[in-house]
Protein backbone atom coordinates (compact mmCIF):
# COMPACT_ATOMS: atom_id res chain seq x y z
CA MET A 1 73.63 91.46 85.97
CA THR A 2 76.47 91.27 88.49
CA ARG A 3 76.22 91.67 92.24
CA SER A 4 77.87 95.10 92.06
CA ASP A 5 75.35 96.19 89.39
CA ARG A 6 72.44 95.09 91.57
CA ALA A 7 73.91 96.85 94.60
CA GLY A 8 74.29 100.02 92.57
CA THR A 9 70.54 100.34 92.35
CA VAL A 10 70.42 101.20 96.05
CA GLY A 11 71.00 104.79 95.05
CA ASP A 12 74.13 106.84 94.49
CA THR A 13 74.28 110.13 96.32
CA PRO A 14 76.07 113.27 95.23
CA GLY A 15 78.67 114.94 97.35
CA GLY A 16 82.31 114.57 98.22
CA ASP A 17 82.96 116.15 101.62
CA VAL A 18 82.60 112.83 103.44
CA ALA A 19 85.30 111.36 101.20
CA GLY A 20 87.70 114.22 101.88
CA ALA A 21 89.27 112.55 104.93
CA PHE A 22 90.60 109.64 102.86
CA PRO A 23 94.27 110.03 101.85
CA THR A 24 94.50 109.93 98.05
CA ARG A 25 98.24 109.85 97.46
CA HIS A 26 98.29 106.09 96.88
CA HIS A 27 94.62 105.26 96.15
CA PRO A 28 91.70 107.11 94.52
CA ARG A 29 89.16 108.93 96.63
CA PRO A 30 86.21 106.63 97.45
CA GLU A 31 82.94 107.07 95.61
CA VAL A 32 79.98 108.33 97.63
CA ARG A 33 77.00 105.96 97.71
CA ASP A 34 74.17 105.07 100.03
CA LEU A 35 74.73 102.23 102.45
CA PRO A 36 72.75 99.13 101.35
CA GLU A 37 69.67 98.27 103.39
CA GLU A 38 70.33 96.65 106.75
CA PRO A 39 69.84 92.86 106.99
CA ARG A 40 66.36 91.67 107.94
CA ARG A 41 67.09 87.94 107.98
CA TYR A 42 70.27 87.07 109.80
CA LEU A 43 70.58 83.37 109.00
CA ARG A 44 71.32 83.74 105.29
CA LEU A 45 74.20 86.13 106.06
CA ILE A 46 75.82 84.02 108.78
CA GLY A 47 79.13 82.69 107.50
CA PRO A 48 82.30 84.81 107.90
CA GLY A 49 82.45 84.14 111.64
CA ILE A 50 82.02 80.41 111.05
CA ILE A 51 84.85 80.51 108.51
CA ALA A 52 87.02 82.34 111.06
CA ALA A 53 86.18 79.71 113.69
CA GLY A 54 86.68 76.84 111.25
CA VAL A 55 90.05 78.03 109.97
CA GLY A 56 91.16 78.90 113.50
CA LEU A 57 90.25 75.45 114.87
CA ALA A 58 93.59 73.86 114.08
CA SER A 59 96.56 72.55 115.99
CA GLY A 60 96.12 75.05 118.82
CA GLU A 61 92.64 73.75 119.63
CA PHE A 62 93.34 70.08 118.90
CA ILE A 63 96.85 69.90 120.36
CA LEU A 64 98.02 72.90 122.38
CA TYR A 65 95.14 73.45 124.81
CA PRO A 66 94.47 69.71 125.24
CA TYR A 67 98.18 69.24 125.97
CA ILE A 68 98.04 71.96 128.63
CA ALA A 69 94.94 70.31 130.15
CA SER A 70 96.67 66.93 130.14
CA GLN A 71 99.51 68.38 132.19
CA VAL A 72 97.90 70.85 134.60
CA GLY A 73 94.15 70.36 134.26
CA LEU A 74 91.62 73.07 133.34
CA VAL A 75 93.24 75.95 135.21
CA PHE A 76 94.45 77.75 132.04
CA VAL A 77 91.32 77.57 129.87
CA TRP A 78 90.44 81.09 131.03
CA ALA A 79 93.29 82.37 128.85
CA ALA A 80 91.46 81.21 125.73
CA LEU A 81 88.52 83.45 126.58
CA VAL A 82 90.79 86.45 127.15
CA GLY A 83 92.52 85.85 123.82
CA LEU A 84 89.23 85.31 121.98
CA LEU A 85 87.57 88.43 123.35
CA THR A 86 90.62 90.50 122.42
CA GLN A 87 90.51 89.09 118.89
CA TYR A 88 86.76 89.73 118.78
CA PHE A 89 87.34 93.46 119.25
CA LEU A 90 90.14 93.39 116.68
CA ASN A 91 87.94 91.57 114.17
CA MET A 92 85.09 94.01 114.68
CA GLU A 93 87.33 97.01 114.04
CA ILE A 94 88.60 95.31 110.88
CA GLU A 95 84.96 94.74 109.91
CA ARG A 96 84.02 98.34 110.81
CA TYR A 97 86.29 99.72 108.11
CA THR A 98 85.02 97.30 105.46
CA LEU A 99 81.36 97.72 106.40
CA ALA A 100 81.76 101.49 105.98
CA THR A 101 83.88 101.52 102.81
CA GLY A 102 83.83 98.17 101.00
CA GLU A 103 87.64 98.29 101.15
CA THR A 104 89.73 95.82 103.10
CA ALA A 105 91.56 97.01 106.18
CA LEU A 106 94.84 96.48 104.31
CA THR A 107 93.70 98.97 101.66
CA GLY A 108 92.86 101.43 104.43
CA PHE A 109 96.35 101.02 105.89
CA SER A 110 97.88 101.44 102.42
CA ARG A 111 96.20 104.81 102.00
CA PHE A 112 98.66 106.13 104.58
CA TRP A 113 101.71 104.21 103.35
CA ARG A 114 101.53 102.31 100.09
CA HIS A 115 103.49 99.27 101.26
CA TRP A 116 101.61 98.42 104.47
CA GLY A 117 99.61 95.78 102.62
CA LEU A 118 102.75 94.24 101.17
CA VAL A 119 104.35 94.11 104.63
CA PHE A 120 101.41 92.19 106.11
CA ALA A 121 101.06 89.92 103.08
CA LEU A 122 104.75 88.96 103.28
CA LEU A 123 104.56 88.38 107.03
CA THR A 124 101.52 86.15 106.51
CA TYR A 125 103.35 84.17 103.84
CA PHE A 126 106.37 83.89 106.08
CA ALA A 127 104.28 82.42 108.89
CA ASN A 128 102.49 79.91 106.61
CA LEU A 129 105.16 78.67 104.20
CA TRP A 130 105.59 75.35 105.99
CA PRO A 131 102.51 73.16 105.24
CA GLY A 132 102.02 72.19 108.87
CA TRP A 133 98.23 71.79 108.86
CA SER A 134 98.16 69.47 105.84
CA THR A 135 101.02 67.42 107.30
CA SER A 136 99.20 67.14 110.63
CA SER A 137 96.01 66.09 108.86
CA ALA A 138 97.95 63.53 106.82
CA THR A 139 99.47 62.10 109.99
CA LEU A 140 96.00 61.54 111.43
CA VAL A 141 94.98 59.83 108.19
CA THR A 142 97.84 57.36 108.68
CA TYR A 143 96.35 56.45 112.07
CA LEU A 144 93.22 55.47 110.17
CA VAL A 145 94.50 53.77 107.01
CA GLY A 146 98.31 53.73 107.22
CA GLY A 147 100.56 55.15 104.53
CA GLU A 148 103.30 57.75 104.33
CA PRO A 149 102.29 61.18 105.72
CA ARG A 150 104.43 63.08 103.23
CA TRP A 151 102.67 61.68 100.14
CA ILE A 152 99.24 62.04 101.69
CA ALA A 153 100.03 65.67 102.55
CA ILE A 154 101.12 66.37 98.96
CA GLY A 155 97.85 64.90 97.71
CA MET A 156 95.96 67.12 100.14
CA LEU A 157 97.80 70.21 98.93
CA VAL A 158 96.87 69.44 95.33
CA ALA A 159 93.25 68.87 96.38
CA ILE A 160 93.24 72.25 98.15
CA GLY A 161 94.54 73.94 95.02
CA LEU A 162 91.81 72.35 92.89
CA ILE A 163 89.06 73.28 95.35
CA LEU A 164 90.15 76.93 95.58
CA THR A 165 90.69 77.45 91.85
CA LEU A 166 87.82 75.43 90.36
CA ALA A 167 85.00 76.51 92.68
CA PRO A 168 82.84 79.04 90.74
CA VAL A 169 82.77 81.35 93.79
CA VAL A 170 85.70 80.77 96.12
CA TYR A 171 84.00 82.14 99.23
CA VAL A 172 81.03 79.79 98.85
CA ALA A 173 83.28 76.71 98.64
CA LEU A 174 85.28 77.86 101.67
CA GLU A 175 82.16 78.63 103.69
CA ARG A 176 80.63 75.21 102.98
CA ALA A 177 83.85 73.40 103.91
CA GLN A 178 84.19 75.25 107.21
CA MET A 179 80.51 74.79 108.09
CA LEU A 180 80.87 71.05 107.49
CA LYS A 181 83.99 71.02 109.65
CA VAL A 182 82.34 72.88 112.51
CA ALA A 183 79.33 70.55 112.32
CA ALA A 184 81.59 67.47 112.46
CA VAL A 185 83.50 68.85 115.45
CA LEU A 186 80.27 69.66 117.32
CA VAL A 187 78.94 66.14 116.64
CA LEU A 188 82.19 64.72 118.04
CA PHE A 189 81.79 66.79 121.20
CA ALA A 190 78.13 65.88 121.60
CA VAL A 191 79.00 62.18 121.46
CA ALA A 192 82.07 62.61 123.67
CA ALA A 193 80.07 64.50 126.29
CA VAL A 194 77.88 61.41 126.76
CA VAL A 195 80.23 58.47 126.28
CA ALA A 196 83.79 59.67 126.87
CA VAL A 197 83.89 62.42 129.50
CA GLY A 198 83.42 61.02 132.98
CA ALA A 199 81.42 62.55 135.81
CA ALA A 200 84.60 63.43 137.70
CA ALA A 201 85.88 65.50 134.78
CA TRP A 202 82.55 67.33 134.44
CA SER A 203 82.63 68.18 138.12
CA ASP A 204 86.03 69.84 137.64
CA VAL A 205 84.85 72.25 134.91
CA PRO A 206 84.27 75.08 137.44
CA GLN A 207 88.06 75.13 137.92
CA VAL A 208 88.14 77.25 134.75
CA VAL A 209 86.85 80.19 136.80
CA THR A 210 87.50 79.14 140.41
CA ARG A 211 91.16 78.12 140.08
CA PRO A 212 92.64 80.21 137.26
CA ARG A 213 96.41 80.42 137.20
CA ILE A 214 99.42 80.67 134.91
CA PRO A 215 101.39 77.39 135.29
CA VAL A 216 104.75 78.75 134.13
CA GLU A 217 106.86 76.34 136.17
CA GLU A 218 105.21 73.25 134.68
CA LEU A 219 104.91 74.30 131.04
CA GLY A 220 107.17 77.26 130.35
CA PHE A 221 106.49 80.87 129.56
CA ALA A 222 106.43 80.79 125.74
CA LEU A 223 103.95 77.92 125.48
CA LEU A 224 101.41 79.61 127.73
CA LEU A 225 101.75 83.05 126.18
CA GLY A 226 101.34 81.58 122.72
CA ALA A 227 98.18 79.80 123.80
CA LEU A 228 96.71 82.98 125.32
CA ALA A 229 97.55 85.24 122.41
CA PHE A 230 96.70 83.02 119.47
CA ALA A 231 93.55 81.15 120.57
CA GLY A 232 91.20 80.91 117.60
CA GLY A 233 93.38 82.43 114.92
CA GLY A 234 95.61 85.47 115.01
CA GLY A 235 98.04 87.08 112.61
CA GLY A 236 96.90 87.34 109.02
CA GLN A 237 93.69 85.40 109.62
CA ASN A 238 92.11 88.30 111.49
CA LEU A 239 92.92 90.71 108.65
CA VAL A 240 91.14 88.57 106.06
CA GLN A 241 87.86 89.11 107.95
CA SER A 242 87.59 92.14 105.65
CA ASN A 243 87.70 89.98 102.53
CA TRP A 244 85.28 87.38 103.85
CA ILE A 245 82.55 89.82 104.92
CA ARG A 246 82.97 91.70 101.64
CA ASP A 247 82.48 88.51 99.64
CA LYS A 248 79.37 87.80 101.73
CA GLY A 249 77.99 91.25 100.87
CA PHE A 250 78.11 92.94 104.27
CA GLY A 251 77.53 96.72 104.24
CA MET A 252 79.36 98.63 101.51
CA GLY A 253 80.97 95.34 100.52
CA ALA A 254 77.78 94.65 98.53
CA TYR A 255 79.17 96.95 95.83
CA VAL A 256 82.35 94.91 95.40
CA PRO A 257 82.45 91.73 93.23
CA ARG A 258 83.56 88.44 94.75
CA LEU A 259 86.58 86.32 93.88
CA VAL A 260 85.62 83.72 91.29
CA SER A 261 87.42 80.87 89.58
CA PRO A 262 89.27 81.99 86.43
CA VAL A 263 88.21 78.62 84.95
CA THR A 264 84.59 78.09 86.04
CA GLY A 265 83.48 81.45 87.43
CA GLU A 266 81.71 84.32 85.73
CA PRO A 267 83.87 87.45 85.93
CA GLU A 268 82.30 90.65 87.24
CA ALA A 269 83.14 94.26 86.49
CA VAL A 270 85.90 95.69 88.65
CA PRO A 271 84.74 98.67 90.76
CA SER A 272 86.68 101.65 92.05
CA THR A 273 88.83 101.18 95.14
CA GLY A 274 86.07 101.80 97.64
CA TYR A 275 82.96 103.68 98.71
CA VAL A 276 81.77 105.84 101.56
CA PHE A 277 78.31 106.98 102.65
CA GLU A 278 76.99 110.31 103.81
CA PRO A 279 75.85 110.06 107.47
CA THR A 280 72.22 110.89 106.66
CA PRO A 281 69.46 109.62 108.99
CA ASP A 282 68.62 106.79 106.58
CA ASN A 283 72.24 105.74 106.19
CA MET A 284 72.85 105.85 109.93
CA ARG A 285 69.78 103.68 110.51
CA ARG A 286 71.19 101.17 108.03
CA TRP A 287 74.62 101.44 109.64
CA ARG A 288 73.27 100.62 113.09
CA GLY A 289 71.51 97.60 111.62
CA TRP A 290 74.65 96.34 109.88
CA TRP A 291 76.85 96.98 112.93
CA ARG A 292 74.43 95.18 115.24
CA PHE A 293 74.25 92.18 112.92
CA ALA A 294 78.04 92.00 112.42
CA ASN A 295 78.60 91.95 116.18
CA VAL A 296 75.98 89.25 116.74
CA GLU A 297 77.42 87.16 113.89
CA GLN A 298 80.96 87.35 115.23
CA LEU A 299 80.06 86.65 118.87
CA SER A 300 77.69 83.77 118.11
CA THR A 301 80.05 82.06 115.68
CA PHE A 302 83.75 82.85 116.01
CA VAL A 303 83.88 83.50 119.76
CA LEU A 304 81.29 80.95 120.89
CA ILE A 305 82.32 78.07 118.61
CA THR A 306 86.02 78.54 119.27
CA PHE A 307 85.65 78.74 123.05
CA VAL A 308 83.34 75.71 123.18
CA THR A 309 85.85 73.78 121.07
CA ILE A 310 88.79 74.69 123.30
CA LEU A 311 86.79 73.86 126.42
CA PHE A 312 85.69 70.46 125.11
CA THR A 313 89.03 69.40 123.65
CA SER A 314 90.66 70.39 126.93
CA LEU A 315 88.00 68.53 128.90
CA LEU A 316 88.37 65.44 126.70
CA ALA A 317 92.14 65.42 127.19
CA TYR A 318 91.80 66.09 130.91
CA SER A 319 89.37 63.22 131.35
CA THR A 320 91.51 60.71 129.42
CA VAL A 321 95.24 61.44 129.68
CA PHE A 322 95.66 63.91 132.54
CA GLY A 323 98.96 63.26 134.32
CA ARG A 324 100.42 60.77 131.84
CA ASP A 325 104.17 61.05 131.29
CA ASP A 326 104.10 60.01 127.61
CA VAL A 327 102.05 62.96 126.29
CA ALA A 328 104.05 65.12 123.89
CA ASN A 329 103.20 68.59 122.60
CA ASP A 330 103.00 67.56 118.94
CA ILE A 331 100.64 65.68 116.65
CA GLY A 332 101.56 62.41 118.38
CA PHE A 333 99.47 63.58 121.31
CA ILE A 334 96.35 62.88 119.26
CA GLU A 335 97.39 59.26 118.69
CA ILE A 336 97.73 58.63 122.43
CA GLU A 337 94.45 60.33 123.20
CA GLY A 338 92.67 58.34 120.50
CA GLN A 339 94.03 55.07 121.86
CA VAL A 340 92.85 55.91 125.37
CA LEU A 341 89.41 56.84 124.01
CA GLY A 342 89.32 53.51 122.17
CA GLU A 343 90.08 51.64 125.37
CA ARG A 344 87.46 53.56 127.30
CA VAL A 345 84.61 53.81 124.78
CA GLY A 346 85.33 51.39 121.97
CA THR A 347 87.44 51.16 118.82
CA TRP A 348 84.77 52.95 116.79
CA PHE A 349 85.15 56.14 118.80
CA GLN A 350 88.94 56.06 118.49
CA TYR A 351 88.67 56.10 114.69
CA PHE A 352 85.84 58.62 114.75
CA PHE A 353 88.01 60.95 116.84
CA TRP A 354 90.94 60.65 114.44
CA ALA A 355 88.72 61.06 111.35
CA VAL A 356 87.16 64.28 112.64
CA GLY A 357 90.60 65.57 113.60
CA ALA A 358 91.99 64.78 110.14
CA PHE A 359 89.13 66.57 108.40
CA ALA A 360 89.33 69.52 110.80
CA LEU A 361 93.04 70.04 110.11
CA PHE A 362 92.49 69.62 106.35
CA ALA A 363 89.78 72.28 106.42
CA ALA A 364 92.16 74.52 108.40
CA ALA A 365 94.80 74.04 105.69
CA LEU A 366 92.20 74.96 103.05
CA GLY A 367 91.40 78.18 104.90
CA ILE A 368 95.05 79.05 105.52
CA VAL A 369 95.97 78.70 101.82
CA ASP A 370 92.90 80.79 100.96
CA TYR A 371 93.50 83.68 103.34
CA THR A 372 97.24 83.83 102.67
CA SER A 373 96.63 84.05 98.91
CA ARG A 374 93.56 86.28 99.28
CA LEU A 375 95.45 88.90 101.29
CA ALA A 376 98.30 88.98 98.80
CA ALA A 377 95.97 89.14 95.76
CA ASP A 378 94.09 92.06 97.27
CA VAL A 379 97.35 93.93 97.93
CA ILE A 380 98.68 93.33 94.42
CA LYS A 381 95.39 94.41 92.83
CA THR A 382 94.84 97.58 94.86
CA SER A 383 98.39 98.87 95.26
CA TYR A 384 100.59 97.58 92.43
CA ALA A 385 98.62 96.21 89.45
CA ARG A 386 95.20 97.82 89.34
CA ASP A 387 94.43 96.48 85.86
CA ALA A 388 95.14 92.89 86.87
CA ASN A 389 92.43 90.24 87.16
CA GLU A 390 92.29 89.60 90.91
CA SER A 391 90.85 86.11 90.49
CA LYS A 392 93.75 85.08 88.26
CA VAL A 393 96.28 86.64 90.64
CA TYR A 394 94.65 84.77 93.53
CA SER A 395 94.76 81.44 91.67
CA GLY A 396 98.42 81.93 90.80
CA LEU A 397 99.26 82.68 94.43
CA VAL A 398 97.33 79.61 95.61
CA TRP A 399 99.32 77.30 93.35
CA GLY A 400 102.55 79.11 94.20
CA LEU A 401 102.02 78.51 97.93
CA ILE A 402 101.12 74.88 97.24
CA ALA A 403 104.22 74.43 95.08
CA ILE A 404 106.39 75.72 97.92
CA GLY A 405 104.69 73.28 100.30
CA VAL A 406 105.26 70.37 97.94
CA VAL A 407 108.94 71.26 97.56
CA VAL A 408 109.32 71.45 101.34
CA LEU A 409 107.71 68.04 101.75
CA LEU A 410 109.70 66.42 98.93
CA ALA A 411 112.89 67.77 100.45
CA GLY A 412 112.00 65.91 103.64
CA LEU A 413 112.23 69.04 105.76
CA ASP A 414 110.66 68.95 109.19
CA GLN A 415 109.42 72.08 110.92
CA PRO A 416 112.49 73.46 112.68
CA LEU A 417 112.23 75.04 116.10
CA VAL A 418 113.47 78.37 114.77
CA LEU A 419 110.59 78.47 112.28
CA LEU A 420 108.10 77.74 115.06
CA VAL A 421 109.51 80.63 117.07
CA ILE A 422 109.48 82.97 114.09
CA SER A 423 105.90 82.01 113.19
CA ALA A 424 104.63 82.72 116.72
CA VAL A 425 106.50 86.00 117.01
CA VAL A 426 105.38 87.10 113.53
CA GLY A 427 101.71 86.51 114.36
CA GLY A 428 101.90 88.46 117.61
CA PHE A 429 103.91 91.27 116.02
CA MET A 430 101.37 91.60 113.19
CA MET A 431 98.49 91.99 115.67
CA PHE A 432 100.48 94.54 117.67
CA VAL A 433 101.07 96.66 114.54
CA TYR A 434 97.65 96.43 112.92
CA ALA A 435 95.83 97.07 116.20
CA GLY A 436 97.58 100.44 116.19
CA LEU A 437 96.81 101.02 112.50
CA LEU A 438 93.14 100.25 113.11
CA ILE A 439 93.06 103.11 115.62
CA LEU A 440 94.48 105.37 112.90
CA VAL A 441 92.11 104.47 110.05
CA ASN A 442 88.96 104.06 112.14
CA ARG A 443 89.52 107.37 113.93
CA LYS A 444 90.77 109.51 111.09
CA VAL A 445 89.08 108.63 107.80
CA LEU A 446 85.62 107.22 108.54
CA PRO A 447 82.59 109.52 108.84
CA ALA A 448 82.51 110.94 112.38
CA PRO A 449 79.38 109.09 113.59
CA VAL A 450 80.85 105.66 112.81
CA ARG A 451 84.39 106.15 114.12
CA VAL A 452 85.71 103.92 116.89
CA ARG A 453 85.46 105.41 120.37
CA GLY A 454 84.89 104.55 124.01
CA VAL A 455 85.18 100.93 125.12
CA ARG A 456 86.14 99.69 121.67
CA LEU A 457 88.93 102.22 121.38
CA ALA A 458 90.17 101.11 124.80
CA ALA A 459 90.04 97.49 123.56
CA LEU A 460 92.32 98.39 120.64
CA VAL A 461 94.76 100.05 123.03
CA TRP A 462 94.63 96.89 125.17
CA ALA A 463 95.38 94.78 122.08
CA VAL A 464 98.40 96.95 121.24
CA LEU A 465 99.74 96.56 124.78
CA LEU A 466 98.91 92.84 125.04
CA PHE A 467 100.33 91.65 121.73
CA GLY A 468 103.29 93.99 121.87
CA THR A 469 104.22 92.77 125.34
CA LEU A 470 103.61 89.10 124.52
CA SER A 471 105.65 89.31 121.33
CA VAL A 472 108.62 90.80 123.16
CA LEU A 473 108.41 88.40 126.10
CA THR A 474 107.91 85.32 123.92
CA PHE A 475 110.79 86.27 121.66
CA ARG A 476 113.06 86.91 124.65
CA ALA A 477 112.06 83.62 126.30
CA GLN A 478 112.77 81.67 123.13
CA LEU A 479 116.13 83.35 122.66
CA GLN A 480 117.06 82.32 126.19
CA THR A 481 115.96 78.75 125.41
CA LEU A 482 117.91 78.60 122.16
CA PHE A 483 121.09 80.31 123.25
CA GLY A 484 121.05 79.98 127.02
CA GLY A 485 121.25 82.68 129.61
């Protein structure tokens, strides 16, 4: 019996009025069912927020914020909290739609215009074509054992493809990898807090709240705006929260089968596009339980883990290389920091630091390949090829993205500045657009008692204004840098 079969025993309910608000021009009307029982034990359902934190803990957390701290101290760490809280509200509105319908947010957008999903999938691909995370991880591996980063990165890409296409349930493999990564990072910080961070640095931590500022003159406008806007993830990663909580069985997602390996997995029956529940007293009780749990899960994992990571990596950099002239805003920064840690603590900690960084960036690459391919597979399945096997489509997209990365590496291409600019602008532009679309779908089609309102609606409006403004200002600043004037 499949997961969707088991979930079906919760009890279908007759009726259709509650489904009448869903546009049906591009997708079928959702089926009316009862909302599954609210979670009683939280621990077994914790996971999607940890994946979001794990995938998001990449070069921004290990390079960008530490670089800022090395140059100006801890005065800009506050921006990470602003960015994270904004993304928290975005993630919860993405989760709201999936909890209530079992559909992804992209499917909800596509009910109003068929090609919205394709637009976001292409933008996500565009931002992630260059295999930057695997190359960064490979570079750290060379600090440990030597070798050529390009060939190590190619080996990592192949390993990622095998992991994502041979794991019987893709979500489970991804969740375990990200949990291991987060555990390794937290162990690093626990050790560093005792042996690497000096008393003087600890005493300066209150600067985060007592001396906040925007050091534009020292670091430039685009760098700081990028750090504020994209702390912890951003772009397509936030959208895939729908897919991850659905695979974990949150809310109405319990009716939808998970992605499995076309080689080792057991295929499950494909359901209709989505579901919706009548707002009966029992269903609303279950809804409040699911909504409460989803908020706790996201705050205690994604927001907390990401902020602690940014704070500690910034503190570690501040305590070791603050004020040095030879610190560059690229992966080479990690080599310098590791060497200083080795001099201060011992050679063992230098290699431990690099090893954790290498694994963290590899796990980020694993998550990036997954969510890029997962978004596209969902779009293809729901909007363009409804009879297709989504697991096979996903696997093909995984290997296609890896093939592109291998070609880029074999061609010896470095990441050009223009691509960096485009990637940053694309991520901010995506959040600007889908924050507005979330207002549309979560106000117009969901049952009235579960629609977004009040503070959370204001948070979506804030996200539209923030990411729209930052995208425009960052793009303009980069154009001035590239072309002068």
